[in-house]
Each structure stands twice: as structure tokens, then as C-alpha cells.
């Protein structure tokens, strides 16, 4: 029974999964829009929203926490300088998932994960 077991394994080891999430969150914050599978997008959504919330807090501790997860310092600077002020008045819900149909190779449900305006 899987009672109260959170998160998806995505067929990867824990370290591989964490690296995948870090890459996807970094790309989402950098490009503001990515295309991925539905399962990955649902996992990454909460992590990206936590990073934006850290950006809104804006202190040194928040910056260091964000830098420990985001792979690129330039993306972290963008988060604190551009994205956080953009969402200053918004109490959450910074991302949107839009279905775009199945992937041709294996039929996986593909979605577009983007930051809302």
C-alpha cells in the first residue's frame, strides 16, 4: 500500500531524479517555458514555485538556498532581479501546465510548463 507516499520515482535513482529536477527548474526559470512529460512537469511545478517564493523573500539566506538548488548563478540572479518583483503581489500559482498531446515515439503525455504573466 502506498498510503501517504509522496512524489514520483520516474524510473530513476534518487540522485538522478534530483539532478533532473534541478535541470528542469533551472531551464524553466531561464527560458520561462519548457516542454516535458506530464509526470515530470507536475513534480517540477512545486519546486519551481518554491524557488520563486525564495526570490520574493529576497534575503541572503533565501539567495543561498536558491543557489543550492539552481545550477546557474545567472539564472538565480534573474530570479531575484526580474522574476520575483514580477510576482510580488501574487500569492502563489506562478506556473501553468498546458497539455500538448502525446509524444510520437512512445505516446507519453507531453505538456508545456510555463510561468504565468
N, C-alpha and C. Protein backbone atom coordinates (compact mmCIF):
# COMPACT_ATOMS: atom_id res chain seq x y z
N UNK A 1 0.84 -1.19 0.00
CA UNK A 1 0.00 0.00 0.00
C UNK A 1 0.87 1.25 0.00
N UNK A 2 0.46 2.27 -0.72
CA UNK A 2 1.25 3.48 -0.86
C UNK A 2 0.68 4.64 -0.05
N UNK A 3 0.09 4.38 1.07
CA UNK A 3 -0.53 5.45 1.83
C UNK A 3 0.49 6.51 2.21
N UNK A 4 0.18 7.76 1.90
CA UNK A 4 0.99 8.93 2.26
C UNK A 4 2.41 8.90 1.71
N UNK A 5 2.63 8.23 0.57
CA UNK A 5 3.92 8.23 -0.08
C UNK A 5 3.88 9.28 -1.18
N UNK A 6 4.63 10.36 -0.99
CA UNK A 6 4.55 11.49 -1.92
C UNK A 6 5.64 11.38 -2.99
N UNK A 7 5.41 12.00 -4.14
CA UNK A 7 6.41 12.09 -5.18
C UNK A 7 6.39 10.91 -6.13
N UNK A 8 7.01 11.12 -7.29
CA UNK A 8 7.10 10.10 -8.32
C UNK A 8 8.55 9.65 -8.44
N UNK A 9 8.76 8.39 -8.75
CA UNK A 9 10.13 7.89 -8.89
C UNK A 9 10.68 8.08 -10.30
N UNK A 10 9.81 8.09 -11.30
CA UNK A 10 10.18 8.32 -12.69
C UNK A 10 11.23 7.34 -13.21
N UNK A 11 11.32 6.16 -12.59
CA UNK A 11 12.26 5.15 -13.05
C UNK A 11 13.71 5.53 -12.91
N UNK A 12 14.05 6.34 -11.92
CA UNK A 12 15.42 6.82 -11.73
C UNK A 12 15.85 6.62 -10.29
N UNK A 13 17.14 6.65 -10.08
CA UNK A 13 17.65 6.64 -8.71
C UNK A 13 17.41 8.02 -8.09
N UNK A 14 17.57 8.11 -6.80
CA UNK A 14 17.31 9.38 -6.11
C UNK A 14 18.21 10.50 -6.59
N UNK A 15 19.50 10.22 -6.79
CA UNK A 15 20.42 11.27 -7.22
C UNK A 15 20.13 11.70 -8.66
N UNK A 16 19.77 10.73 -9.52
CA UNK A 16 19.44 11.05 -10.90
C UNK A 16 18.17 11.90 -10.95
N UNK A 17 17.20 11.54 -10.12
CA UNK A 17 15.93 12.27 -10.07
C UNK A 17 16.16 13.71 -9.60
N UNK A 18 16.97 13.89 -8.56
CA UNK A 18 17.26 15.23 -8.05
C UNK A 18 17.97 16.07 -9.12
N UNK A 19 18.92 15.47 -9.83
CA UNK A 19 19.62 16.18 -10.90
C UNK A 19 18.65 16.59 -12.00
N UNK A 20 17.72 15.70 -12.34
CA UNK A 20 16.70 16.00 -13.35
C UNK A 20 15.85 17.20 -12.92
N UNK A 21 15.39 17.18 -11.67
CA UNK A 21 14.57 18.28 -11.16
C UNK A 21 15.34 19.60 -11.17
N UNK A 22 16.60 19.55 -10.76
CA UNK A 22 17.40 20.78 -10.74
C UNK A 22 17.58 21.34 -12.16
N UNK A 23 17.83 20.46 -13.13
CA UNK A 23 17.98 20.90 -14.52
C UNK A 23 16.68 21.49 -15.05
N UNK A 24 15.55 20.83 -14.78
CA UNK A 24 14.27 21.32 -15.29
C UNK A 24 13.88 22.66 -14.66
N UNK A 25 14.10 22.80 -13.36
CA UNK A 25 13.76 24.07 -12.69
C UNK A 25 14.66 25.18 -13.21
N UNK A 26 15.94 24.90 -13.38
CA UNK A 26 16.87 25.92 -13.90
C UNK A 26 16.44 26.36 -15.30
N UNK A 27 16.09 25.40 -16.16
CA UNK A 27 15.66 25.74 -17.52
C UNK A 27 14.34 26.50 -17.51
N UNK A 28 13.41 26.11 -16.64
CA UNK A 28 12.13 26.80 -16.58
C UNK A 28 12.34 28.26 -16.17
N UNK A 29 13.16 28.51 -15.18
CA UNK A 29 13.39 29.88 -14.73
C UNK A 29 14.18 30.68 -15.77
N UNK A 30 15.03 30.01 -16.53
CA UNK A 30 15.82 30.70 -17.54
C UNK A 30 14.99 31.05 -18.77
N UNK A 31 14.28 30.06 -19.31
CA UNK A 31 13.54 30.26 -20.56
C UNK A 31 12.07 30.62 -20.33
N UNK A 32 11.57 30.46 -19.12
CA UNK A 32 10.20 30.77 -18.72
C UNK A 32 9.16 29.87 -19.38
N UNK A 33 9.61 28.85 -20.13
CA UNK A 33 8.68 27.92 -20.79
C UNK A 33 9.47 26.69 -21.22
N UNK A 34 9.01 25.51 -20.83
CA UNK A 34 9.68 24.27 -21.25
C UNK A 34 8.62 23.25 -21.65
N UNK A 35 9.02 22.29 -22.48
CA UNK A 35 8.15 21.19 -22.88
C UNK A 35 8.71 19.92 -22.28
N UNK A 36 7.88 19.19 -21.56
CA UNK A 36 8.31 17.96 -20.90
C UNK A 36 7.11 17.04 -20.73
N UNK A 37 7.32 15.89 -20.10
CA UNK A 37 6.21 14.98 -19.88
C UNK A 37 5.34 15.48 -18.72
N UNK A 38 4.13 15.01 -18.67
CA UNK A 38 3.19 15.48 -17.66
C UNK A 38 3.66 15.12 -16.25
N UNK A 39 4.18 13.92 -16.07
CA UNK A 39 4.62 13.49 -14.74
C UNK A 39 5.78 14.36 -14.25
N UNK A 40 6.74 14.64 -15.13
CA UNK A 40 7.88 15.48 -14.74
C UNK A 40 7.41 16.90 -14.43
N UNK A 41 6.50 17.42 -15.24
CA UNK A 41 6.02 18.79 -15.03
C UNK A 41 5.31 18.93 -13.70
N UNK A 42 4.52 17.93 -13.32
CA UNK A 42 3.79 18.01 -12.05
C UNK A 42 4.75 17.99 -10.87
N UNK A 43 5.85 17.29 -10.98
CA UNK A 43 6.84 17.27 -9.91
C UNK A 43 7.63 18.57 -9.86
N UNK A 44 8.00 19.09 -11.03
CA UNK A 44 8.85 20.29 -11.10
C UNK A 44 8.08 21.54 -10.71
N UNK A 45 6.78 21.54 -10.93
CA UNK A 45 5.96 22.72 -10.65
C UNK A 45 6.13 23.20 -9.22
N UNK A 46 6.04 22.30 -8.25
CA UNK A 46 6.13 22.72 -6.86
C UNK A 46 7.53 23.22 -6.52
N UNK A 47 8.56 22.60 -7.09
CA UNK A 47 9.93 23.04 -6.82
C UNK A 47 10.18 24.43 -7.40
N UNK A 48 9.67 24.68 -8.60
CA UNK A 48 9.85 25.99 -9.22
C UNK A 48 9.12 27.07 -8.43
N UNK A 49 7.95 26.75 -7.93
CA UNK A 49 7.20 27.74 -7.15
C UNK A 49 7.91 28.04 -5.84
N UNK A 50 8.56 27.03 -5.25
CA UNK A 50 9.34 27.28 -4.04
C UNK A 50 10.52 28.20 -4.33
N UNK A 51 11.15 28.05 -5.49
CA UNK A 51 12.27 28.92 -5.84
C UNK A 51 11.80 30.36 -6.03
N UNK A 52 10.65 30.55 -6.65
CA UNK A 52 10.11 31.90 -6.85
C UNK A 52 9.76 32.51 -5.50
N UNK A 53 9.22 31.71 -4.58
CA UNK A 53 8.91 32.21 -3.24
C UNK A 53 10.19 32.63 -2.52
N UNK A 54 11.26 31.88 -2.69
CA UNK A 54 12.55 32.28 -2.11
C UNK A 54 13.00 33.60 -2.71
N UNK A 55 12.79 33.77 -4.01
CA UNK A 55 13.15 35.03 -4.66
C UNK A 55 12.36 36.20 -4.12
N UNK A 56 11.10 35.96 -3.80
CA UNK A 56 10.27 37.02 -3.24
C UNK A 56 10.72 37.41 -1.84
N UNK A 57 11.23 36.45 -1.06
CA UNK A 57 11.74 36.78 0.27
C UNK A 57 12.97 37.67 0.16
N UNK A 58 13.86 37.33 -0.76
CA UNK A 58 14.93 38.24 -1.15
C UNK A 58 16.14 38.37 -0.26
N UNK A 59 16.20 37.76 0.89
CA UNK A 59 17.35 37.92 1.78
C UNK A 59 18.53 37.06 1.35
N UNK A 60 19.63 37.22 2.08
CA UNK A 60 20.85 36.47 1.78
C UNK A 60 20.63 34.97 1.98
N UNK A 61 19.93 34.61 3.04
CA UNK A 61 19.66 33.19 3.30
C UNK A 61 18.82 32.59 2.18
N UNK A 62 17.82 33.32 1.71
CA UNK A 62 16.98 32.84 0.60
C UNK A 62 17.80 32.68 -0.67
N UNK A 63 18.71 33.62 -0.93
CA UNK A 63 19.55 33.54 -2.12
C UNK A 63 20.45 32.31 -2.06
N UNK A 64 21.00 32.03 -0.88
CA UNK A 64 21.88 30.87 -0.75
C UNK A 64 21.10 29.57 -0.87
N UNK A 65 19.87 29.55 -0.35
CA UNK A 65 19.04 28.36 -0.51
C UNK A 65 18.72 28.12 -1.98
N UNK A 66 18.39 29.20 -2.71
CA UNK A 66 18.09 29.08 -4.13
C UNK A 66 19.33 28.62 -4.91
N UNK A 67 20.49 29.18 -4.58
CA UNK A 67 21.71 28.81 -5.28
C UNK A 67 22.11 27.36 -5.00
N UNK A 68 21.67 26.81 -3.87
CA UNK A 68 22.00 25.41 -3.59
C UNK A 68 21.18 24.47 -4.47
N UNK A 69 20.11 24.96 -5.08
CA UNK A 69 19.26 24.13 -5.94
C UNK A 69 19.42 24.48 -7.42
N UNK A 70 19.44 25.78 -7.73
CA UNK A 70 19.56 26.24 -9.12
C UNK A 70 21.01 26.06 -9.56
N UNK A 71 21.21 25.54 -10.77
CA UNK A 71 22.55 25.19 -11.23
C UNK A 71 23.35 26.37 -11.76
N UNK A 72 22.70 27.42 -12.20
CA UNK A 72 23.38 28.53 -12.87
C UNK A 72 23.20 29.82 -12.06
N UNK A 73 24.29 30.48 -11.74
CA UNK A 73 24.23 31.70 -10.94
C UNK A 73 23.48 32.81 -11.69
N UNK A 74 23.62 32.85 -13.01
CA UNK A 74 22.92 33.88 -13.79
C UNK A 74 21.40 33.70 -13.71
N UNK A 75 20.96 32.45 -13.68
CA UNK A 75 19.53 32.17 -13.55
C UNK A 75 19.05 32.60 -12.16
N UNK A 76 19.86 32.37 -11.14
CA UNK A 76 19.49 32.79 -9.78
C UNK A 76 19.42 34.32 -9.71
N UNK A 77 20.35 35.00 -10.37
CA UNK A 77 20.30 36.46 -10.40
C UNK A 77 19.04 36.94 -11.11
N UNK A 78 18.66 36.26 -12.20
CA UNK A 78 17.43 36.61 -12.91
C UNK A 78 16.22 36.39 -12.01
N UNK A 79 16.23 35.30 -11.25
CA UNK A 79 15.13 35.01 -10.34
C UNK A 79 14.93 36.14 -9.34
N UNK A 80 16.00 36.61 -8.73
CA UNK A 80 15.89 37.64 -7.70
C UNK A 80 15.69 39.03 -8.27
N UNK A 81 16.24 39.31 -9.46
CA UNK A 81 16.16 40.66 -10.02
C UNK A 81 14.91 40.89 -10.88
N UNK A 82 14.49 39.87 -11.66
CA UNK A 82 13.39 40.07 -12.62
C UNK A 82 12.11 39.33 -12.23
N UNK A 83 12.24 38.04 -11.93
CA UNK A 83 11.03 37.23 -11.72
C UNK A 83 10.35 37.52 -10.40
N UNK A 84 11.11 37.65 -9.33
CA UNK A 84 10.50 37.87 -8.00
C UNK A 84 9.69 39.17 -7.95
N UNK A 85 10.22 40.29 -8.45
CA UNK A 85 9.39 41.52 -8.44
C UNK A 85 8.13 41.39 -9.30
N UNK A 86 8.22 40.59 -10.37
CA UNK A 86 7.06 40.39 -11.26
C UNK A 86 5.91 39.70 -10.52
N UNK A 87 6.26 38.82 -9.57
CA UNK A 87 5.24 38.07 -8.84
C UNK A 87 5.07 38.57 -7.41
N UNK A 88 5.48 39.80 -7.12
CA UNK A 88 5.47 40.32 -5.75
C UNK A 88 4.06 40.34 -5.16
N UNK A 89 3.06 40.67 -5.97
CA UNK A 89 1.69 40.79 -5.47
C UNK A 89 0.90 39.49 -5.60
N UNK A 90 1.50 38.48 -6.22
CA UNK A 90 0.79 37.23 -6.46
C UNK A 90 1.07 36.24 -5.32
N UNK A 91 0.04 35.69 -4.68
CA UNK A 91 0.26 34.83 -3.52
C UNK A 91 0.55 33.36 -3.85
N UNK A 92 0.93 33.06 -5.06
CA UNK A 92 1.22 31.68 -5.45
C UNK A 92 0.66 31.41 -6.83
N UNK A 93 0.82 30.20 -7.31
CA UNK A 93 0.31 29.84 -8.63
C UNK A 93 1.08 30.53 -9.74
N UNK A 94 2.40 30.37 -9.73
CA UNK A 94 3.26 31.06 -10.70
C UNK A 94 3.43 30.28 -11.99
N UNK A 95 2.97 29.04 -12.04
CA UNK A 95 3.19 28.21 -13.22
C UNK A 95 1.86 27.73 -13.80
N UNK A 96 1.92 27.36 -15.07
CA UNK A 96 0.75 26.84 -15.78
C UNK A 96 1.19 25.61 -16.57
N UNK A 97 0.38 24.56 -16.53
CA UNK A 97 0.64 23.36 -17.31
C UNK A 97 -0.42 23.25 -18.39
N UNK A 98 0.01 23.19 -19.65
CA UNK A 98 -0.89 23.08 -20.79
C UNK A 98 -0.58 21.80 -21.54
N UNK A 99 -1.57 20.94 -21.72
CA UNK A 99 -1.37 19.69 -22.43
C UNK A 99 -1.17 19.96 -23.92
N UNK A 100 -0.22 19.25 -24.55
CA UNK A 100 0.03 19.44 -25.98
C UNK A 100 -0.04 18.14 -26.76
N UNK A 101 -0.51 17.06 -26.12
CA UNK A 101 -0.71 15.80 -26.85
C UNK A 101 0.38 14.78 -26.58
N UNK A 102 0.20 13.59 -27.14
CA UNK A 102 1.17 12.51 -26.89
C UNK A 102 2.45 12.67 -27.70
N UNK A 103 3.54 12.15 -27.13
CA UNK A 103 4.83 12.14 -27.83
C UNK A 103 4.78 11.06 -28.90
N UNK A 104 5.36 11.33 -30.07
CA UNK A 104 5.28 10.40 -31.18
C UNK A 104 5.98 9.08 -30.89
N UNK A 105 7.12 9.11 -30.22
CA UNK A 105 7.90 7.89 -30.03
C UNK A 105 7.22 6.87 -29.14
N UNK A 106 6.76 7.29 -27.96
CA UNK A 106 6.23 6.32 -27.01
C UNK A 106 4.84 6.66 -26.50
N UNK A 107 4.26 7.73 -26.98
CA UNK A 107 2.90 8.09 -26.58
C UNK A 107 2.78 8.73 -25.21
N UNK A 108 3.91 9.16 -24.63
CA UNK A 108 3.86 9.80 -23.32
C UNK A 108 3.12 11.13 -23.42
N UNK A 109 2.35 11.46 -22.40
CA UNK A 109 1.59 12.71 -22.39
C UNK A 109 2.55 13.89 -22.23
N UNK A 110 2.61 14.74 -23.24
CA UNK A 110 3.51 15.89 -23.22
C UNK A 110 2.74 17.14 -22.83
N UNK A 111 3.42 18.03 -22.09
CA UNK A 111 2.81 19.28 -21.65
C UNK A 111 3.82 20.41 -21.81
N UNK A 112 3.29 21.61 -21.78
CA UNK A 112 4.13 22.80 -21.76
C UNK A 112 4.00 23.42 -20.38
N UNK A 113 5.11 23.54 -19.68
CA UNK A 113 5.16 24.15 -18.37
C UNK A 113 5.70 25.55 -18.53
N UNK A 114 4.93 26.55 -18.10
CA UNK A 114 5.37 27.94 -18.31
C UNK A 114 5.04 28.77 -17.09
N UNK A 115 5.77 29.87 -16.96
CA UNK A 115 5.50 30.84 -15.91
C UNK A 115 4.37 31.75 -16.38
N UNK A 116 3.39 32.01 -15.51
CA UNK A 116 2.28 32.87 -15.89
C UNK A 116 2.73 34.32 -15.91
N UNK A 117 2.00 35.15 -16.63
CA UNK A 117 2.36 36.57 -16.74
C UNK A 117 1.89 37.35 -15.53
